[in-house]
PDB file of N, CA and C in Angstrom:
ATOM      1  N   GLY A   1     -85.527  40.187 -46.221  1.00  0.00           N
ATOM      2  CA  GLY A   1     -85.180  41.130 -46.475  1.00  0.00           C
ATOM      3  C   GLY A   1     -84.155  41.850 -47.168  1.00  0.00           C
ATOM      4  N   ILE A   2     -83.528  42.942 -47.446  1.00  0.00           N
ATOM      5  CA  ILE A   2     -82.453  43.240 -47.399  1.00  0.00           C
ATOM      6  C   ILE A   2     -81.349  43.176 -46.305  1.00  0.00           C
ATOM      7  N   ASN A   3     -80.454  43.115 -46.909  1.00  0.00           N
ATOM      8  CA  ASN A   3     -78.950  43.303 -45.587  1.00  0.00           C
ATOM      9  C   ASN A   3     -77.818  44.527 -46.445  1.00  0.00           C
ATOM     10  N   ALA A   4     -76.893  44.604 -45.452  1.00  0.00           N
ATOM     11  CA  ALA A   4     -75.957  45.452 -46.115  1.00  0.00           C
ATOM     12  C   ALA A   4     -74.432  45.170 -45.178  1.00  0.00           C
ATOM     13  N   GLU A   5     -73.567  44.981 -45.712  1.00  0.00           N
ATOM     14  CA  GLU A   5     -72.589  44.694 -45.092  1.00  0.00           C
ATOM     15  C   GLU A   5     -71.701  45.448 -44.514  1.00  0.00           C
ATOM     16  N   TYR A   6     -71.358  45.894 -43.498  1.00  0.00           N
ATOM     17  CA  TYR A   6     -70.427  46.905 -42.169  1.00  0.00           C
ATOM     18  C   TYR A   6     -69.073  46.561 -42.316  1.00  0.00           C
ATOM     19  N   GLY A   7     -68.513  47.514 -42.480  1.00  0.00           N
ATOM     20  CA  GLY A   7     -66.786  47.352 -41.497  1.00  0.00           C
ATOM     21  C   GLY A   7     -65.888  46.743 -42.769  1.00  0.00           C
ATOM     22  N   VAL A   8     -66.361  46.930 -43.978  1.00  0.00           N
ATOM     23  CA  VAL A   8     -65.830  46.085 -45.027  1.00  0.00           C
ATOM     24  C   VAL A   8     -64.287  47.286 -45.650  1.00  0.00           C
ATOM     25  N   ASN A   9     -63.059  47.318 -45.318  1.00  0.00           N
ATOM     26  CA  ASN A   9     -61.900  47.936 -45.831  1.00  0.00           C
ATOM     27  C   ASN A   9     -60.906  47.105 -46.391  1.00  0.00           C
ATOM     28  N   PRO A  10     -60.077  47.540 -46.966  1.00  0.00           N
ATOM     29  CA  PRO A  10     -58.743  47.010 -47.157  1.00  0.00           C
ATOM     30  C   PRO A  10     -58.477  45.796 -46.874  1.00  0.00           C
ATOM     31  N   ARG A  11     -58.491  46.245 -45.564  1.00  0.00           N
ATOM     32  CA  ARG A  11     -57.994  45.041 -44.559  1.00  0.00           C
ATOM     33  C   ARG A  11     -58.693  44.383 -44.180  1.00  0.00           C
ATOM     34  N   LEU A  12     -59.982  44.378 -44.275  1.00  0.00           N
ATOM     35  CA  LEU A  12     -61.092  43.386 -43.801  1.00  0.00           C
ATOM     36  C   LEU A  12     -61.928  43.605 -45.347  1.00  0.00           C
ATOM     37  N   PRO A  13     -61.624  42.643 -46.110  1.00  0.00           N
ATOM     38  CA  PRO A  13     -62.509  42.850 -47.388  1.00  0.00           C
ATOM     39  C   PRO A  13     -63.722  42.485 -47.397  1.00  0.00           C
ATOM     40  N   VAL A  14     -63.894  41.354 -46.164  1.00  0.00           N
ATOM     41  CA  VAL A  14     -65.391  40.265 -46.050  1.00  0.00           C
ATOM     42  C   VAL A  14     -65.938  40.930 -45.017  1.00  0.00           C
ATOM     43  N   GLY A  15     -65.364  42.077 -44.275  1.00  0.00           N
ATOM     44  CA  GLY A  15     -66.416  43.097 -43.724  1.00  0.00           C
ATOM     45  C   GLY A  15     -66.671  42.512 -42.293  1.00  0.00           C
ATOM     46  N   GLU A  16     -67.104  43.465 -41.357  1.00  0.00           N
ATOM     47  CA  GLU A  16     -67.671  42.395 -40.259  1.00  0.00           C
ATOM     48  C   GLU A  16     -68.639  41.970 -39.906  1.00  0.00           C
ATOM     49  N   SER A  17     -69.984  42.726 -40.458  1.00  0.00           N
ATOM     50  CA  SER A  17     -71.295  41.909 -39.828  1.00  0.00           C
ATOM     51  C   SER A  17     -72.021  42.683 -41.189  1.00  0.00           C
ATOM     52  N   TRP A  18     -73.112  41.774 -41.308  1.00  0.00           N
ATOM     53  CA  TRP A  18     -74.184  42.059 -41.923  1.00  0.00           C
ATOM     54  C   TRP A  18     -75.391  42.900 -41.571  1.00  0.00           C
ATOM     55  N   GLU A  19     -76.154  43.860 -41.372  1.00  0.00           N
ATOM     56  CA  GLU A  19     -77.193  44.113 -40.821  1.00  0.00           C
ATOM     57  C   GLU A  19     -78.661  44.260 -41.830  1.00  0.00           C
ATOM     58  N   VAL A  20     -79.926  44.231 -41.693  1.00  0.00           N
ATOM     59  CA  VAL A  20     -81.025  44.157 -41.874  1.00  0.00           C
ATOM     60  C   VAL A  20     -80.880  46.036 -42.468  1.00  0.00           C
ATOM     61  N   VAL A  21     -81.640  46.360 -43.687  1.00  0.00           N
ATOM     62  CA  VAL A  21     -81.776  47.530 -44.509  1.00  0.00           C
ATOM     63  C   VAL A  21     -83.376  48.008 -43.833  1.00  0.00           C
ATOM     64  N   PRO A  22     -83.526  48.766 -43.301  1.00  0.00           N
ATOM     65  CA  PRO A  22     -85.283  48.982 -42.675  1.00  0.00           C
ATOM     66  C   PRO A  22     -86.161  49.471 -43.911  1.00  0.00           C
ATOM     67  N   GLY A  23     -87.171  49.056 -43.891  1.00  0.00           N
ATOM     68  CA  GLY A  23     -87.949  49.497 -45.288  1.00  0.00           C
ATOM     69  C   GLY A  23     -87.659  49.035 -46.692  1.00  0.00           C
ATOM     70  N   SER A  24     -86.992  47.990 -46.217  1.00  0.00           N
ATOM     71  CA  SER A  24     -87.053  47.273 -47.652  1.00  0.00           C
ATOM     72  C   SER A  24     -88.388  46.348 -48.377  1.00  0.00           C
ATOM     73  N   LEU A  25     -88.639  46.787 -48.960  1.00  0.00           N
ATOM     74  CA  LEU A  25     -89.923  45.981 -49.521  1.00  0.00           C
ATOM     75  C   LEU A  25     -89.840  46.119 -51.115  1.00  0.00           C
ATOM     76  N   CYS A  26     -88.564  45.955 -51.307  1.00  0.00           N
ATOM     77  CA  CYS A  26     -88.075  45.659 -52.856  1.00  0.00           C
ATOM     78  C   CYS A  26     -88.193  43.763 -52.825  1.00  0.00           C
ATOM     79  N   LYS A  27     -88.504  43.786 -54.409  1.00  0.00           N
ATOM     80  CA  LYS A  27     -88.856  42.092 -55.103  1.00  0.00           C
ATOM     81  C   LYS A  27     -87.377  41.828 -55.900  1.00  0.00           C
ATOM     82  N   HIS A  28     -87.177  43.052 -56.163  1.00  0.00           N
ATOM     83  CA  HIS A  28     -85.623  42.986 -57.037  1.00  0.00           C
ATOM     84  C   HIS A  28     -84.878  43.956 -56.502  1.00  0.00           C
ATOM     85  N   LEU A  29     -83.639  43.605 -56.666  1.00  0.00           N
ATOM     86  CA  LEU A  29     -82.023  44.962 -56.643  1.00  0.00           C
ATOM     87  C   LEU A  29     -81.366  45.126 -57.734  1.00  0.00           C
ATOM     88  N   SER A  30     -80.646  46.151 -58.522  1.00  0.00           N
ATOM     89  CA  SER A  30     -79.525  46.343 -58.694  1.00  0.00           C
ATOM     90  C   SER A  30     -78.693  47.437 -58.394  1.00  0.00           C
ATOM     91  N   VAL A  31     -77.284  46.643 -58.296  1.00  0.00           N
ATOM     92  CA  VAL A  31     -76.386  47.606 -57.911  1.00  0.00           C
ATOM     93  C   VAL A  31     -75.320  48.147 -58.589  1.00  0.00           C
ATOM     94  N   SER A  32     -75.373  49.752 -58.886  1.00  0.00           N
ATOM     95  CA  SER A  32     -74.221  50.358 -59.708  1.00  0.00           C
ATOM     96  C   SER A  32     -72.926  50.933 -58.944  1.00  0.00           C
ATOM     97  N   ALA A  33     -72.080  51.415 -59.354  1.00  0.00           N
ATOM     98  CA  ALA A  33     -70.730  51.600 -58.564  1.00  0.00           C
ATOM     99  C   ALA A  33     -70.747  52.608 -57.972  1.00  0.00           C
ATOM    100  N   ASN A  34     -72.201  52.841 -57.272  1.00  0.00           N
ATOM    101  CA  ASN A  34     -72.861  54.051 -56.128  1.00  0.00           C
ATOM    102  C   ASN A  34     -73.780  53.870 -55.760  1.00  0.00           C
ATOM    103  N   GLN A  35     -74.663  52.775 -56.235  1.00  0.00           N
ATOM    104  CA  GLN A  35     -76.078  53.412 -56.001  1.00  0.00           C
ATOM    105  C   GLN A  35     -76.980  51.849 -55.897  1.00  0.00           C
ATOM    106  N   VAL A  36     -78.003  52.223 -55.501  1.00  0.00           N
ATOM    107  CA  VAL A  36     -78.921  50.915 -55.212  1.00  0.00           C
ATOM    108  C   VAL A  36     -80.135  51.356 -55.474  1.00  0.00           C
ATOM    109  N   TYR A  37     -80.841  50.595 -57.115  1.00  0.00           N
ATOM    110  CA  TYR A  37     -82.111  51.098 -56.966  1.00  0.00           C
ATOM    111  C   TYR A  37     -82.714  49.174 -56.957  1.00  0.00           C
ATOM    112  N   GLY A  38     -84.128  49.667 -56.602  1.00  0.00           N
ATOM    113  CA  GLY A  38     -84.980  48.415 -56.683  1.00  0.00           C
ATOM    114  C   GLY A  38     -86.467  48.558 -57.020  1.00  0.00           C
ATOM    115  N   VAL A  39     -86.916  47.497 -57.448  1.00  0.00           N
ATOM    116  CA  VAL A  39     -88.457  47.691 -57.758  1.00  0.00           C
ATOM    117  C   VAL A  39     -89.207  46.951 -56.977  1.00  0.00           C
ATOM    118  N   THR A  40     -90.205  47.573 -56.459  1.00  0.00           N
ATOM    119  CA  THR A  40     -91.047  47.188 -54.817  1.00  0.00           C
ATOM    120  C   THR A  40     -92.196  46.976 -55.468  1.00  0.00           C
ATOM    121  N   SER A  41     -92.660  45.465 -54.549  1.00  0.00           N
ATOM    122  CA  SER A  41     -94.088  44.947 -54.643  1.00  0.00           C
ATOM    123  C   SER A  41     -95.295  45.419 -55.483  1.00  0.00           C
ATOM    124  N   SER A  42     -95.119  46.492 -55.607  1.00  0.00           N
ATOM    125  CA  SER A  42     -95.847  47.430 -56.582  1.00  0.00           C
ATOM    126  C   SER A  42     -95.606  47.908 -57.932  1.00  0.00           C
ATOM    127  N   ASN A  43     -94.404  47.127 -58.246  1.00  0.00           N
ATOM    128  CA  ASN A  43     -93.649  47.431 -59.585  1.00  0.00           C
ATOM    129  C   ASN A  43     -93.432  49.099 -59.852  1.00  0.00           C
ATOM    130  N   THR A  44     -93.142  49.756 -58.419  1.00  0.00           N
ATOM    131  CA  THR A  44     -92.128  50.953 -58.349  1.00  0.00           C
ATOM    132  C   THR A  44     -90.908  51.279 -58.439  1.00  0.00           C
ATOM    133  N   LEU A  45     -90.119  51.873 -58.879  1.00  0.00           N
ATOM    134  CA  LEU A  45     -88.532  51.987 -59.049  1.00  0.00           C
ATOM    135  C   LEU A  45     -88.237  53.258 -58.015  1.00  0.00           C
ATOM    136  N   VAL A  46     -87.553  52.266 -57.192  1.00  0.00           N
ATOM    137  CA  VAL A  46     -86.774  53.315 -55.943  1.00  0.00           C
ATOM    138  C   VAL A  46     -85.369  53.364 -55.784  1.00  0.00           C
ATOM    139  N   CYS A  47     -84.677  54.192 -55.359  1.00  0.00           N
ATOM    140  CA  CYS A  47     -83.104  54.258 -55.190  1.00  0.00           C
ATOM    141  C   CYS A  47     -82.953  54.364 -53.819  1.00  0.00           C
ATOM    142  N   ARG A  48     -82.143  53.900 -53.268  1.00  0.00           N
ATOM    143  CA  ARG A  48     -81.750  53.999 -51.771  1.00  0.00           C
ATOM    144  C   ARG A  48     -80.579  55.366 -51.823  1.00  0.00           C
ATOM    145  N   TYR A  49     -81.081  56.377 -50.694  1.00  0.00           N
ATOM    146  CA  TYR A  49     -80.281  57.271 -50.667  1.00  0.00           C
ATOM    147  C   TYR A  49     -79.376  57.226 -49.580  1.00  0.00           C
ATOM    148  N   GLY A  50     -78.357  58.051 -49.011  1.00  0.00           N
ATOM    149  CA  GLY A  50     -77.591  58.504 -48.006  1.00  0.00           C
ATOM    150  C   GLY A  50     -76.310  57.142 -47.862  1.00  0.00           C
ATOM    151  N   ILE A  51     -75.982  56.477 -48.742  1.00  0.00           N
ATOM    152  CA  ILE A  51     -75.076  55.248 -48.321  1.00  0.00           C
ATOM    153  C   ILE A  51     -73.958  56.099 -48.794  1.00  0.00           C
ATOM    154  N   SER A  52     -72.780  55.815 -47.774  1.00  0.00           N
ATOM    155  CA  SER A  52     -71.499  55.884 -47.645  1.00  0.00           C
ATOM    156  C   SER A  52     -70.557  54.672 -47.093  1.00  0.00           C
ATOM    157  N   PRO A  53     -69.381  54.674 -46.841  1.00  0.00           N
ATOM    158  CA  PRO A  53     -68.509  54.039 -46.459  1.00  0.00           C
ATOM    159  C   PRO A  53     -68.993  53.718 -44.752  1.00  0.00           C
ATOM    160  N   SER A  54     -69.409  54.907 -44.152  1.00  0.00           N
ATOM    161  CA  SER A  54     -69.821  54.343 -42.691  1.00  0.00           C
ATOM    162  C   SER A  54     -71.215  53.931 -42.491  1.00  0.00           C
ATOM    163  N   LEU A  55     -72.013  54.436 -43.643  1.00  0.00           N
ATOM    164  CA  LEU A  55     -73.628  53.986 -43.851  1.00  0.00           C
ATOM    165  C   LEU A  55     -73.774  53.505 -44.865  1.00  0.00           C
ATOM    166  N   PRO A  56     -73.431  51.834 -45.009  1.00  0.00           N
ATOM    167  CA  PRO A  56     -73.103  50.889 -46.464  1.00  0.00           C
ATOM    168  C   PRO A  56     -74.990  50.934 -46.568  1.00  0.00           C
ATOM    169  N   GLY A  57     -75.633  50.628 -45.640  1.00  0.00           N
ATOM    170  CA  GLY A  57     -77.136  50.721 -45.785  1.00  0.00           C
ATOM    171  C   GLY A  57     -77.929  51.811 -46.118  1.00  0.00           C
ATOM    172  N   GLY A  58     -77.357  52.789 -46.020  1.00  0.00           N
ATOM    173  CA  GLY A  58     -78.006  53.859 -46.189  1.00  0.00           C
ATOM    174  C   GLY A  58     -79.528  54.528 -45.527  1.00  0.00           C
ATOM    175  N   ASN A  59     -79.891  56.095 -45.714  1.00  0.00           N
ATOM    176  CA  ASN A  59     -80.872  56.856 -44.718  1.00  0.00           C
ATOM    177  C   ASN A  59     -82.098  56.135 -44.994  1.00  0.00           C
ATOM    178  N   TYR A  60     -82.440  55.992 -46.656  1.00  0.00           N
ATOM    179  CA  TYR A  60     -84.433  55.755 -46.975  1.00  0.00           C
ATOM    180  C   TYR A  60     -84.332  55.499 -48.252  1.00  0.00           C
ATOM    181  N   TRP A  61     -85.487  55.149 -48.606  1.00  0.00           N
ATOM    182  CA  TRP A  61     -85.525  54.790 -50.057  1.00  0.00           C
ATOM    183  C   TRP A  61     -86.397  55.847 -50.633  1.00  0.00           C
ATOM    184  N   ARG A  62     -86.306  56.123 -51.753  1.00  0.00           N
ATOM    185  CA  ARG A  62     -87.000  57.399 -52.593  1.00  0.00           C
ATOM    186  C   ARG A  62     -87.514  56.617 -54.022  1.00  0.00           C
ATOM    187  N   ARG A  63     -88.791  57.219 -53.870  1.00  0.00           N
ATOM    188  CA  ARG A  63     -89.247  56.516 -55.364  1.00  0.00           C
ATOM    189  C   ARG A  63     -88.954  57.119 -56.805  1.00  0.00           C
ATOM    190  N   LEU A  64     -88.556  56.668 -57.856  1.00  0.00           N
ATOM    191  CA  LEU A  64     -88.075  57.733 -58.983  1.00  0.00           C
ATOM    192  C   LEU A  64     -89.354  57.692 -60.020  1.00  0.00           C
ATOM    193  N   SER A  65     -88.997  58.159 -60.657  1.00  0.00           N
ATOM    194  CA  SER A  65     -90.766  57.995 -61.776  1.00  0.00           C
ATOM    195  C   SER A  65     -89.780  57.227 -62.800  1.00  0.00           C
ATOM    196  N   GLY A  66     -90.869  56.493 -62.981  1.00  0.00           N
ATOM    197  CA  GLY A  66     -90.364  55.116 -63.729  1.00  0.00           C
ATOM    198  C   GLY A  66     -90.918  55.359 -65.415  1.00  0.00           C
ATOM    199  N   PRO A  67     -90.777  54.934 -66.472  1.00  0.00           N
ATOM    200  CA  PRO A  67     -91.416  55.155 -67.791  1.00  0.00           C
ATOM    201  C   PRO A  67     -92.437  55.380 -68.032  1.00  0.00           C
ATOM    202  N   ALA A  68     -92.898  56.192 -68.751  1.00  0.00           N
ATOM    203  CA  ALA A  68     -94.291  56.258 -69.389  1.00  0.00           C
ATOM    204  C   ALA A  68     -95.005  55.638 -70.191  1.00  0.00           C
ATOM    205  N   PRO A  69     -96.267  55.095 -70.218  1.00  0.00           N
ATOM    206  CA  PRO A  69     -97.204  56.048 -69.677  1.00  0.00           C
ATOM    207  C   PRO A  69     -97.299  55.152 -68.357  1.00  0.00           C
ATOM    208  N   HIS A  70     -97.270  53.894 -68.012  1.00  0.00           N
ATOM    209  CA  HIS A  70     -97.531  53.558 -66.633  1.00  0.00           C
ATOM    210  C   HIS A  70     -96.900  53.824 -65.309  1.00  0.00           C
ATOM    211  N   ARG A  71     -95.890  54.288 -65.676  1.00  0.00           N
ATOM    212  CA  ARG A  71     -95.035  54.502 -64.610  1.00  0.00           C
ATOM    213  C   ARG A  71     -94.561  53.407 -63.436  1.00  0.00           C
ATOM    214  N   THR A  72     -94.397  52.269 -64.142  1.00  0.00           N
ATOM    215  CA  THR A  72     -94.338  51.189 -63.325  1.00  0.00           C
ATOM    216  C   THR A  72     -93.393  49.995 -64.346  1.00  0.00           C
ATOM    217  N   VAL A  73     -92.780  49.395 -63.521  1.00  0.00           N
ATOM    218  CA  VAL A  73     -91.399  48.396 -63.989  1.00  0.00           C
ATOM    219  C   VAL A  73     -91.681  47.124 -63.479  1.00  0.00           C
ATOM    220  N   LYS A  74     -91.329  45.986 -63.941  1.00  0.00           N
ATOM    221  CA  LYS A  74     -91.661  44.643 -63.765  1.00  0.00           C
ATOM    222  C   LYS A  74     -89.930  44.409 -62.910  1.00  0.00           C
ATOM    223  N   VAL A  75     -88.864  44.245 -63.874  1.00  0.00           N
ATOM    224  CA  VAL A  75     -87.014  44.275 -63.228  1.00  0.00           C
ATOM    225  C   VAL A  75     -86.591  45.323 -63.877  1.00  0.00           C
ATOM    226  N   LEU A  76     -85.440  45.459 -63.545  1.00  0.00           N
ATOM    227  CA  LEU A  76     -84.638  46.234 -63.648  1.00  0.00           C
ATOM    228  C   LEU A  76     -82.906  45.845 -63.472  1.00  0.00           C
ATOM    229  N   SER A  77     -81.914  46.737 -64.363  1.00  0.00           N
ATOM    230  CA  SER A  77     -81.028  46.461 -64.165  1.00  0.00           C
ATOM    231  C   SER A  77     -80.103  47.453 -63.985  1.00  0.00           C
ATOM    232  N   THR A  78     -78.790  47.848 -64.000  1.00  0.00           N
ATOM    233  CA  THR A  78     -77.829  49.034 -64.281  1.00  0.00           C
ATOM    234  C   THR A  78     -76.658  48.766 -64.179  1.00  0.00           C
ATOM    235  N   THR A  79     -76.166  49.508 -64.752  1.00  0.00           N
ATOM    236  CA  THR A  79     -74.467  49.338 -65.351  1.00  0.00           C
ATOM    237  C   THR A  79     -73.812  49.998 -63.855  1.00  0.00           C
ATOM    238  N   LEU A  80     -72.519  49.911 -64.232  1.00  0.00           N
ATOM    239  CA  LEU A  80     -71.776  50.242 -62.962  1.00  0.00           C
ATOM    240  C   LEU A  80     -71.869  52.218 -63.075  1.00  0.00           C
ATOM    241  N   ASN A  81     -72.075  52.697 -64.352  1.00  0.00           N
ATOM    242  CA  ASN A  81     -72.320  53.828 -64.537  1.00  0.00           C
ATOM    243  C   ASN A  81     -73.424  54.799 -64.472  1.00  0.00           C
ATOM    244  N   ASN A  82     -74.664  53.625 -63.973  1.00  0.00           N
ATOM    245  CA  ASN A  82     -75.874  54.769 -63.634  1.00  0.00           C
ATOM    246  C   ASN A  82     -76.680  54.602 -64.973  1.00  0.00           C
ATOM    247  N   CYS A  83     -76.669  53.763 -65.859  1.00  0.00           N
ATOM    248  CA  CYS A  83     -77.570  53.760 -66.780  1.00  0.00           C
ATOM    249  C   CYS A  83     -78.077  52.522 -66.582  1.00  0.00           C
ATOM    250  N   LEU A  84     -79.898  52.765 -65.978  1.00  0.00           N
ATOM    251  CA  LEU A  84     -80.870  51.653 -65.737  1.00  0.00           C
ATOM    252  C   LEU A  84     -81.425  51.615 -67.210  1.00  0.00           C
ATOM    253  N   TRP A  85     -81.680  50.064 -67.085  1.00  0.00           N
ATOM    254  CA  TRP A  85     -82.545  48.934 -68.296  1.00  0.00           C
ATOM    255  C   TRP A  85     -83.643  48.648 -67.052  1.00  0.00           C
ATOM    256  N   CYS A  86     -84.914  48.358 -68.014  1.00  0.00           N
ATOM    257  CA  CYS A  86     -86.111  47.944 -67.218  1.00  0.00           C
ATOM    258  C   CYS A  86     -87.150  47.694 -68.077  1.00  0.00           C
ATOM    259  N   GLU A  87     -87.931  46.257 -67.899  1.00  0.00           N
ATOM    260  CA  GLU A  87     -88.866  45.982 -68.630  1.00  0.00           C
ATOM    261  C   GLU A  87     -89.819  46.580 -67.940  1.00  0.00           C
ATOM    262  N   GLY A  88     -90.890  47.221 -68.775  1.00  0.00           N
ATOM    263  CA  GLY A  88     -92.252  47.504 -68.281  1.00  0.00           C
ATOM    264  C   GLY A  88     -92.938  46.625 -67.969  1.00  0.00           C
ATOM    265  N   THR A  89     -94.364  46.987 -67.478  1.00  0.00           N
ATOM    266  CA  THR A  89     -95.054  45.920 -66.950  1.00  0.00           C
ATOM    267  C   THR A  89     -95.983  45.366 -67.976  1.00  0.00           C
ATOM    268  N   GLN A  90     -95.758  45.821 -69.087  1.00  0.00           N
ATOM    269  CA  GLN A  90     -96.391  45.470 -70.891  1.00  0.00           C
ATOM    270  C   GLN A  90     -95.614  45.053 -71.600  1.00  0.00           C
ATOM    271  N   GLY A  91     -94.361  44.351 -70.821  1.00  0.00           N
ATOM    272  CA  GLY A  91     -93.358  43.698 -71.469  1.00  0.00           C
ATOM    273  C   GLY A  91     -92.143  45.034 -72.520  1.00  0.00           C
ATOM    274  N   GLU A  92     -92.455  46.193 -72.441  1.00  0.00           N
ATOM    275  CA  GLU A  92     -91.626  47.006 -73.246  1.00  0.00           C
ATOM    276  C   GLU A  92     -89.985  47.158 -72.699  1.00  0.00           C
ATOM    277  N   LEU A  93     -89.252  47.451 -73.074  1.00  0.00           N
ATOM    278  CA  LEU A  93     -87.908  47.574 -72.599  1.00  0.00           C
ATOM    279  C   LEU A  93     -87.245  49.034 -72.617  1.00  0.00           C
ATOM    280  N   TYR A  94     -87.408  49.521 -71.641  1.00  0.00           N
ATOM    281  CA  TYR A  94     -86.878  51.192 -71.407  1.00  0.00           C
ATOM    282  C   TYR A  94     -85.136  51.326 -70.916  1.00  0.00           C
ATOM    283  N   ARG A  95     -84.784  52.100 -71.246  1.00  0.00           N
ATOM    284  CA  ARG A  95     -83.421  52.815 -70.803  1.00  0.00           C
ATOM    285  C   ARG A  95     -83.395  54.284 -70.541  1.00  0.00           C
ATOM    286  N   ARG A  96     -82.582  54.760 -69.260  1.00  0.00           N
ATOM    287  CA  ARG A  96     -82.780  55.756 -68.954  1.00  0.00           C
ATOM    288  C   ARG A  96     -81.348  55.965 -68.470  1.00  0.00           C
ATOM    289  N   ARG A  97     -80.692  57.447 -68.538  1.00  0.00           N
ATOM    290  CA  ARG A  97     -79.372  57.605 -67.901  1.00  0.00           C
ATOM    291  C   ARG A  97     -79.672  58.489 -67.066  1.00  0.00           C
ATOM    292  N   VAL A  98     -78.986  57.973 -65.580  1.00  0.00           N
ATOM    293  CA  VAL A  98     -78.887  58.501 -64.276  1.00  0.00           C
ATOM    294  C   VAL A  98     -77.708  59.663 -64.359  1.00  0.00           C
ATOM    295  N   LYS A  99     -77.592  60.928 -63.649  1.00  0.00           N
ATOM    296  CA  LYS A  99     -76.420  61.405 -63.533  1.00  0.00           C
ATOM    297  C   LYS A  99     -76.552  61.741 -61.589  1.00  0.00           C
ATOM    298  N   VAL A 100     -75.718  61.003 -61.095  1.00  0.00           N
ATOM    299  CA  VAL A 100     -75.861  61.418 -60.115  1.00  0.00           C
ATOM    300  C   VAL A 100     -74.609  62.305 -59.490  1.00  0.00           C
ATOM    301  N   VAL A 101     -75.826  63.164 -58.397  1.00  0.00           N
ATOM    302  CA  VAL A 101     -74.672  64.663 -57.913  1.00  0.00           C
ATOM    303  C   VAL A 101     -74.631  63.720 -56.452  1.00  0.00           C
ATOM    304  N   HIS A 102     -73.309  64.149 -56.265  1.00  0.00           N
ATOM    305  CA  HIS A 102     -72.464  64.173 -55.079  1.00  0.00           C
ATOM    306  C   HIS A 102     -72.257  65.335 -54.223  1.00  0.00           C
ATOM    307  N   SER A 103     -72.235  65.270 -53.415  1.00  0.00           N
ATOM    308  CA  SER A 103     -71.804  66.249 -52.299  1.00  0.00           C
ATOM    309  C   SER A 103     -70.301  66.181 -52.251  1.00  0.00           C
ATOM    310  N   THR A 104     -69.649  67.403 -51.971  1.00  0.00           N
ATOM    311  CA  THR A 104     -67.913  67.624 -52.041  1.00  0.00           C
ATOM    312  C   THR A 104     -67.956  67.076 -50.077  1.00  0.00           C
ATOM    313  N   SER A 105     -68.354  66.893 -49.189  1.00  0.00           N
ATOM    314  CA  SER A 105     -68.351  66.961 -47.788  1.00  0.00           C
ATOM    315  C   SER A 105     -68.273  65.489 -47.429  1.00  0.00           C
ATOM    316  N   CYS A 106     -68.128  65.118 -46.366  1.00  0.00           N
ATOM    317  CA  CYS A 106     -67.940  63.886 -46.086  1.00  0.00           C
ATOM    318  C   CYS A 106     -69.287  63.617 -45.454  1.00  0.00           C
ATOM    319  N   SER A 107     -69.808  64.809 -45.431  1.00  0.00           N
ATOM    320  CA  SER A 107     -71.379  64.095 -44.698  1.00  0.00           C
ATOM    321  C   SER A 107     -72.565  63.783 -45.707  1.00  0.00           C
ATOM    322  N   PRO A 108     -73.341  62.874 -45.304  1.00  0.00           N
ATOM    323  CA  PRO A 108     -74.468  62.746 -46.572  1.00  0.00           C
ATOM    324  C   PRO A 108     -74.855  63.608 -47.331  1.00  0.00           C
ATOM    325  N   PRO A 109     -75.186  63.565 -48.340  1.00  0.00           N
ATOM    326  CA  PRO A 109     -75.598  64.833 -49.217  1.00  0.00           C
ATOM    327  C   PRO A 109     -76.967  65.369 -48.534  1.00  0.00           C
ATOM    328  N   PRO A 110     -77.536  66.249 -48.653  1.00  0.00           N
ATOM    329  CA  PRO A 110     -79.008  66.823 -48.403  1.00  0.00           C
ATOM    330  C   PRO A 110     -79.775  66.025 -49.575  1.00  0.00           C
ATOM    331  N   ILE A 111     -81.100  66.301 -48.766  1.00  0.00           N
ATOM    332  CA  ILE A 111     -82.183  65.265 -49.785  1.00  0.00           C
ATOM    333  C   ILE A 111     -82.203  66.008 -50.975  1.00  0.00           C
ATOM    334  N   THR A 112     -81.687  67.401 -51.072  1.00  0.00           N
ATOM    335  CA  THR A 112     -81.705  67.802 -52.718  1.00  0.00           C
ATOM    336  C   THR A 112     -80.876  67.362 -53.721  1.00  0.00           C
ATOM    337  N   LYS A 113     -79.835  66.929 -52.867  1.00  0.00           N
ATOM    338  CA  LYS A 113     -79.374  65.915 -53.916  1.00  0.00           C
ATOM    339  C   LYS A 113     -79.484  64.486 -54.323  1.00  0.00           C
ATOM    340  N   GLN A 114     -79.900  64.323 -55.928  1.00  0.00           N
ATOM    341  CA  GLN A 114     -80.878  63.608 -55.973  1.00  0.00           C
ATOM    342  C   GLN A 114     -80.348  63.007 -57.239  1.00  0.00           C
ATOM    343  N   PRO A 115     -80.384  61.752 -57.794  1.00  0.00           N
ATOM    344  CA  PRO A 115     -80.222  61.369 -59.042  1.00  0.00           C
ATOM    345  C   PRO A 115     -81.219  61.944 -60.034  1.00  0.00           C
ATOM    346  N   HIS A 116     -80.451  62.579 -61.196  1.00  0.00           N
ATOM    347  CA  HIS A 116     -81.311  63.757 -62.135  1.00  0.00           C
ATOM    348  C   HIS A 116     -81.602  62.730 -63.577  1.00  0.00           C
ATOM    349  N   ASP A 117     -82.906  62.594 -63.588  1.00  0.00           N
ATOM    350  CA  ASP A 117     -83.590  61.761 -64.478  1.00  0.00           C
ATOM    351  C   ASP A 117     -83.648  62.855 -65.702  1.00  0.00           C
ATOM    352  N   GLU A 118     -82.291  62.126 -66.924  1.00  0.00           N
ATOM    353  CA  GLU A 118     -82.312  62.722 -68.330  1.00  0.00           C
ATOM    354  C   GLU A 118     -83.424  61.970 -69.238  1.00  0.00           C
ATOM    355  N   GLY A 119     -84.289  61.642 -69.087  1.00  0.00           N
ATOM    356  CA  GLY A 119     -85.329  60.845 -69.625  1.00  0.00           C
ATOM    357  C   GLY A 119     -84.988  59.322 -69.814  1.00  0.00           C
ATOM    358  N   TRP A 120     -86.666  58.765 -70.081  1.00  0.00           N
ATOM    359  CA  TRP A 120     -86.205  57.493 -70.355  1.00  0.00           C
ATOM    360  C   TRP A 120     -86.661  57.336 -71.787  1.00  0.00           C
ATOM    361  N   GLU A 121     -85.895  56.061 -72.719  1.00  0.00           N
ATOM    362  CA  GLU A 121     -85.815  55.890 -73.781  1.00  0.00           C
ATOM    363  C   GLU A 121     -86.901  54.917 -74.211  1.00  0.00           C
ATOM    364  N   VAL A 122     -87.472  54.170 -75.208  1.00  0.00           N
ATOM    365  CA  VAL A 122     -87.936  53.410 -75.407  1.00  0.00           C
ATOM    366  C   VAL A 122     -87.351  52.705 -76.656  1.00  0.00           C
ATOM    367  N   LEU A 123     -86.629  51.441 -76.086  1.00  0.00           N
ATOM    368  CA  LEU A 123     -85.915  50.222 -77.177  1.00  0.00           C
ATOM    369  C   LEU A 123     -86.595  49.747 -77.746  1.00  0.00           C
TER     370      LEU A 123
END
């Protein structure tokens, strides 16, 4: 399973405890500066939503559109600024830039605030 570390702060950089992230069916994870992306056992691309300092495990997983034509990926990696790199199930290499939209309040962003897909590029 996937775990998230709770209670991390400048005075306690090792955190207080690890907790299981519910609904984690990912076989591969990649973490940017502010997002967690995964590949499920069925090779679909997902993103964890609702991650915050008080809820490092987030609220839920949401499926993202993978590259056409198959929409599935084998493995992925992300840069700190949310540029996704992935290998398609047929061995092709793709890159996608994601714009993460954040809420200005301290509460978790509403469901409508999602990473914006600016398109996959075949390399």
